[in-house]
N, C-alpha and C. Protein backbone atom coordinates (compact mmCIF):
# COMPACT_ATOMS: atom_id res chain seq x y z
N MET A 1 0.82 -1.19 0.00
CA MET A 1 0.00 0.00 0.00
C MET A 1 0.86 1.26 0.00
N LYS A 2 1.94 1.22 0.76
CA LYS A 2 2.81 2.38 0.84
C LYS A 2 3.46 2.67 -0.51
N LEU A 3 3.78 1.64 -1.25
CA LEU A 3 4.39 1.81 -2.55
C LEU A 3 3.43 2.49 -3.52
N ASN A 4 2.16 2.16 -3.44
CA ASN A 4 1.17 2.77 -4.32
C ASN A 4 0.99 4.25 -4.02
N LYS A 5 0.99 4.63 -2.75
CA LYS A 5 0.86 6.04 -2.38
C LYS A 5 2.03 6.85 -2.91
N SER A 6 3.23 6.30 -2.80
CA SER A 6 4.39 7.03 -3.28
C SER A 6 4.37 7.15 -4.80
N LYS A 7 3.90 6.13 -5.49
CA LYS A 7 3.78 6.22 -6.94
C LYS A 7 2.77 7.30 -7.34
N ILE A 8 1.69 7.39 -6.62
CA ILE A 8 0.67 8.40 -6.91
C ILE A 8 1.22 9.80 -6.65
N LEU A 9 1.94 9.98 -5.55
CA LEU A 9 2.53 11.29 -5.24
C LEU A 9 3.58 11.69 -6.27
N ILE A 10 4.40 10.73 -6.68
CA ILE A 10 5.42 11.02 -7.69
C ILE A 10 4.75 11.37 -9.03
N ALA A 11 3.72 10.63 -9.39
CA ALA A 11 3.01 10.91 -10.64
C ALA A 11 2.37 12.30 -10.60
N ALA A 12 1.80 12.68 -9.46
CA ALA A 12 1.20 14.01 -9.32
C ALA A 12 2.27 15.09 -9.44
N ALA A 13 3.41 14.88 -8.83
CA ALA A 13 4.50 15.85 -8.91
C ALA A 13 5.00 15.98 -10.35
N VAL A 14 5.09 14.88 -11.05
CA VAL A 14 5.54 14.91 -12.45
C VAL A 14 4.53 15.67 -13.31
N VAL A 15 3.24 15.42 -13.11
CA VAL A 15 2.20 16.11 -13.89
C VAL A 15 2.24 17.62 -13.62
N ILE A 16 2.38 18.00 -12.38
CA ILE A 16 2.44 19.43 -12.04
C ILE A 16 3.67 20.08 -12.65
N THR A 17 4.81 19.41 -12.56
CA THR A 17 6.04 19.95 -13.13
C THR A 17 5.94 20.10 -14.64
N VAL A 18 5.41 19.10 -15.30
CA VAL A 18 5.24 19.17 -16.75
C VAL A 18 4.29 20.30 -17.13
N ALA A 19 3.24 20.50 -16.36
CA ALA A 19 2.30 21.58 -16.64
C ALA A 19 2.99 22.94 -16.52
N PHE A 20 3.82 23.13 -15.51
CA PHE A 20 4.56 24.39 -15.37
C PHE A 20 5.54 24.59 -16.53
N VAL A 21 6.23 23.55 -16.93
CA VAL A 21 7.19 23.66 -18.03
C VAL A 21 6.47 24.02 -19.33
N VAL A 22 5.36 23.36 -19.61
CA VAL A 22 4.61 23.64 -20.83
C VAL A 22 4.06 25.06 -20.81
N THR A 23 3.55 25.50 -19.68
CA THR A 23 3.02 26.87 -19.57
C THR A 23 4.13 27.90 -19.78
N ASN A 24 5.28 27.70 -19.16
CA ASN A 24 6.40 28.63 -19.33
C ASN A 24 6.90 28.62 -20.77
N ALA A 25 6.94 27.46 -21.41
CA ALA A 25 7.39 27.39 -22.80
C ALA A 25 6.41 28.14 -23.70
N TYR A 26 5.13 27.98 -23.46
CA TYR A 26 4.14 28.69 -24.27
C TYR A 26 4.25 30.21 -24.07
N LEU A 27 4.33 30.63 -22.82
CA LEU A 27 4.41 32.06 -22.55
C LEU A 27 5.70 32.65 -23.10
N SER A 28 6.78 31.91 -23.03
CA SER A 28 8.05 32.39 -23.58
C SER A 28 7.99 32.49 -25.10
N ALA A 29 7.33 31.54 -25.71
CA ALA A 29 7.23 31.54 -27.17
C ALA A 29 6.35 32.68 -27.67
N THR A 30 5.33 33.03 -26.93
CA THR A 30 4.44 34.11 -27.36
C THR A 30 4.95 35.48 -26.94
N GLY A 31 5.93 35.52 -26.06
CA GLY A 31 6.47 36.80 -25.62
C GLY A 31 5.74 37.39 -24.43
N ASP A 32 4.61 36.84 -24.06
CA ASP A 32 3.84 37.38 -22.95
C ASP A 32 4.59 37.27 -21.63
N PHE A 33 5.37 36.21 -21.47
CA PHE A 33 6.10 35.99 -20.23
C PHE A 33 7.11 37.12 -20.00
N LYS A 34 7.87 37.46 -21.04
CA LYS A 34 8.87 38.51 -20.92
C LYS A 34 8.20 39.86 -20.68
N CYS A 35 7.09 40.09 -21.35
CA CYS A 35 6.41 41.38 -21.21
C CYS A 35 5.81 41.56 -19.83
N THR A 36 5.14 40.55 -19.33
CA THR A 36 4.53 40.69 -18.01
C THR A 36 5.60 40.79 -16.93
N ASN A 37 6.70 40.06 -17.11
CA ASN A 37 7.79 40.15 -16.12
C ASN A 37 8.46 41.51 -16.16
N SER A 38 8.67 42.07 -17.35
CA SER A 38 9.32 43.38 -17.42
C SER A 38 8.42 44.46 -16.86
N GLU A 39 7.11 44.36 -17.10
CA GLU A 39 6.19 45.34 -16.51
C GLU A 39 6.19 45.24 -14.99
N ALA A 40 6.18 44.02 -14.49
CA ALA A 40 6.21 43.83 -13.04
C ALA A 40 7.51 44.37 -12.44
N ALA A 41 8.62 44.16 -13.14
CA ALA A 41 9.91 44.66 -12.66
C ALA A 41 9.94 46.18 -12.66
N ILE A 42 9.37 46.80 -13.68
CA ILE A 42 9.32 48.26 -13.75
C ILE A 42 8.50 48.82 -12.60
N LEU A 43 7.34 48.23 -12.36
CA LEU A 43 6.49 48.70 -11.26
C LEU A 43 7.17 48.49 -9.91
N HIS A 44 7.88 47.37 -9.77
CA HIS A 44 8.58 47.08 -8.52
C HIS A 44 9.72 48.08 -8.28
N GLN A 45 10.49 48.36 -9.33
CA GLN A 45 11.60 49.31 -9.19
C GLN A 45 11.08 50.71 -8.86
N ASP A 46 9.98 51.10 -9.48
CA ASP A 46 9.44 52.43 -9.24
C ASP A 46 8.91 52.56 -7.81
N ALA A 47 8.43 51.45 -7.25
CA ALA A 47 7.86 51.49 -5.90
C ALA A 47 8.92 51.55 -4.81
N LYS A 48 10.18 51.29 -5.15
CA LYS A 48 11.25 51.32 -4.16
C LYS A 48 11.44 52.74 -3.62
N VAL A 49 11.52 52.83 -2.31
CA VAL A 49 11.79 54.11 -1.66
C VAL A 49 13.26 54.11 -1.28
N LEU A 50 13.99 55.10 -1.77
CA LEU A 50 15.43 55.15 -1.56
C LEU A 50 15.81 56.18 -0.51
N ASP A 51 16.92 55.92 0.15
CA ASP A 51 17.49 56.87 1.08
C ASP A 51 18.19 57.97 0.27
N PRO A 52 17.81 59.22 0.45
CA PRO A 52 18.41 60.30 -0.35
C PRO A 52 19.92 60.43 -0.18
N LYS A 53 20.46 59.92 0.91
CA LYS A 53 21.89 60.01 1.17
C LYS A 53 22.69 59.00 0.35
N ARG A 54 22.02 57.97 -0.17
CA ARG A 54 22.72 56.91 -0.90
C ARG A 54 22.55 57.10 -2.40
N HIS A 55 23.48 57.81 -2.99
CA HIS A 55 23.43 58.13 -4.41
C HIS A 55 23.59 56.87 -5.27
N ALA A 56 24.34 55.89 -4.80
CA ALA A 56 24.57 54.66 -5.55
C ALA A 56 23.26 53.89 -5.76
N ASP A 57 22.37 53.92 -4.77
CA ASP A 57 21.08 53.25 -4.91
C ASP A 57 20.25 53.91 -6.00
N LYS A 58 20.30 55.21 -6.08
CA LYS A 58 19.56 55.94 -7.12
C LYS A 58 20.10 55.58 -8.50
N LEU A 59 21.43 55.50 -8.63
CA LEU A 59 22.03 55.13 -9.90
C LEU A 59 21.64 53.71 -10.31
N LYS A 60 21.62 52.80 -9.34
CA LYS A 60 21.25 51.42 -9.63
C LYS A 60 19.78 51.34 -10.05
N LYS A 61 18.92 52.07 -9.35
CA LYS A 61 17.49 52.07 -9.70
C LYS A 61 17.30 52.63 -11.11
N ASP A 62 17.99 53.72 -11.43
CA ASP A 62 17.89 54.31 -12.76
C ASP A 62 18.40 53.35 -13.84
N ASP A 63 19.50 52.67 -13.54
CA ASP A 63 20.06 51.71 -14.49
C ASP A 63 19.09 50.56 -14.73
N ASN A 64 18.51 50.04 -13.66
CA ASN A 64 17.54 48.95 -13.79
C ASN A 64 16.31 49.39 -14.58
N LEU A 65 15.79 50.57 -14.28
CA LEU A 65 14.62 51.05 -15.00
C LEU A 65 14.94 51.29 -16.48
N GLU A 66 16.13 51.78 -16.76
CA GLU A 66 16.53 51.99 -18.15
C GLU A 66 16.56 50.66 -18.90
N LYS A 67 17.10 49.63 -18.26
CA LYS A 67 17.20 48.31 -18.87
C LYS A 67 15.80 47.70 -19.08
N TYR A 68 14.97 47.73 -18.05
CA TYR A 68 13.63 47.14 -18.16
C TYR A 68 12.76 47.91 -19.15
N CYS A 69 12.88 49.21 -19.18
CA CYS A 69 12.08 50.00 -20.12
C CYS A 69 12.52 49.74 -21.56
N ALA A 70 13.80 49.51 -21.77
CA ALA A 70 14.28 49.18 -23.12
C ALA A 70 13.71 47.85 -23.58
N VAL A 71 13.70 46.87 -22.70
CA VAL A 71 13.11 45.56 -23.04
C VAL A 71 11.63 45.72 -23.31
N ARG A 72 10.96 46.47 -22.48
CA ARG A 72 9.51 46.67 -22.63
C ARG A 72 9.20 47.35 -23.95
N THR A 73 9.96 48.35 -24.33
CA THR A 73 9.72 49.07 -25.56
C THR A 73 10.03 48.20 -26.77
N LYS A 74 11.14 47.46 -26.70
CA LYS A 74 11.57 46.65 -27.83
C LYS A 74 10.67 45.44 -28.05
N GLU A 75 10.33 44.75 -26.99
CA GLU A 75 9.63 43.47 -27.11
C GLU A 75 8.10 43.59 -27.02
N CYS A 76 7.61 44.59 -26.31
CA CYS A 76 6.20 44.59 -25.95
C CYS A 76 5.49 45.88 -26.35
N GLY A 77 5.90 46.49 -27.41
CA GLY A 77 5.34 47.78 -27.79
C GLY A 77 3.84 47.77 -28.00
N ASP A 78 3.29 46.67 -28.53
CA ASP A 78 1.86 46.61 -28.84
C ASP A 78 1.02 46.01 -27.72
N LEU A 79 1.65 45.47 -26.70
CA LEU A 79 0.92 44.81 -25.62
C LEU A 79 0.20 45.84 -24.75
N ILE A 80 -1.08 45.61 -24.53
CA ILE A 80 -1.88 46.48 -23.67
C ILE A 80 -2.34 45.66 -22.47
N THR A 81 -1.96 46.12 -21.29
CA THR A 81 -2.39 45.48 -20.05
C THR A 81 -2.99 46.55 -19.15
N PRO A 82 -3.57 46.17 -18.03
CA PRO A 82 -4.10 47.19 -17.11
C PRO A 82 -3.02 48.13 -16.56
N ASP A 83 -1.78 47.70 -16.56
CA ASP A 83 -0.69 48.51 -16.02
C ASP A 83 0.07 49.29 -17.09
N THR A 84 -0.34 49.19 -18.34
CA THR A 84 0.41 49.79 -19.44
C THR A 84 0.56 51.31 -19.28
N ALA A 85 -0.51 51.98 -18.92
CA ALA A 85 -0.44 53.44 -18.78
C ALA A 85 0.56 53.84 -17.71
N ARG A 86 0.54 53.17 -16.58
CA ARG A 86 1.48 53.48 -15.50
C ARG A 86 2.92 53.17 -15.91
N VAL A 87 3.12 52.04 -16.59
CA VAL A 87 4.46 51.66 -17.05
C VAL A 87 4.98 52.67 -18.06
N GLU A 88 4.14 53.10 -18.98
CA GLU A 88 4.55 54.11 -19.96
C GLU A 88 4.93 55.42 -19.27
N GLU A 89 4.20 55.79 -18.24
CA GLU A 89 4.49 57.02 -17.49
C GLU A 89 5.84 56.90 -16.78
N ILE A 90 6.11 55.74 -16.20
CA ILE A 90 7.39 55.51 -15.50
C ILE A 90 8.54 55.52 -16.50
N CYS A 91 8.35 54.92 -17.68
CA CYS A 91 9.43 54.77 -18.64
C CYS A 91 9.71 56.02 -19.46
N LEU A 92 8.85 56.98 -19.41
CA LEU A 92 9.02 58.19 -20.21
C LEU A 92 10.40 58.84 -20.06
N PRO A 93 10.93 59.03 -18.85
CA PRO A 93 12.25 59.66 -18.73
C PRO A 93 13.42 58.76 -19.15
N TYR A 94 13.18 57.45 -19.31
CA TYR A 94 14.26 56.51 -19.59
C TYR A 94 14.35 56.12 -21.06
N ARG A 95 13.71 56.86 -21.93
CA ARG A 95 13.78 56.54 -23.37
C ARG A 95 14.85 57.32 -24.04
């Protein structure tokens, strides 16, 4: 009986893993994965509150936003999401 339970658990884990791999492959192939991740990264970077005394943090944040906005503009120019307007507003200075 114990052997059957472990086989069922292993089979369930394999099915779940395969489902995640197939979903990620599909999203990567359509470009949606990169676009949604870059939008999320832009919103996350913009939400960071920095210490005004630490100039290096500001430079790093600007560098990250410049990189993410470039990816967003290059790869996802036509994609419209609920966050698109906010992302475009954030990326305006980094173009």
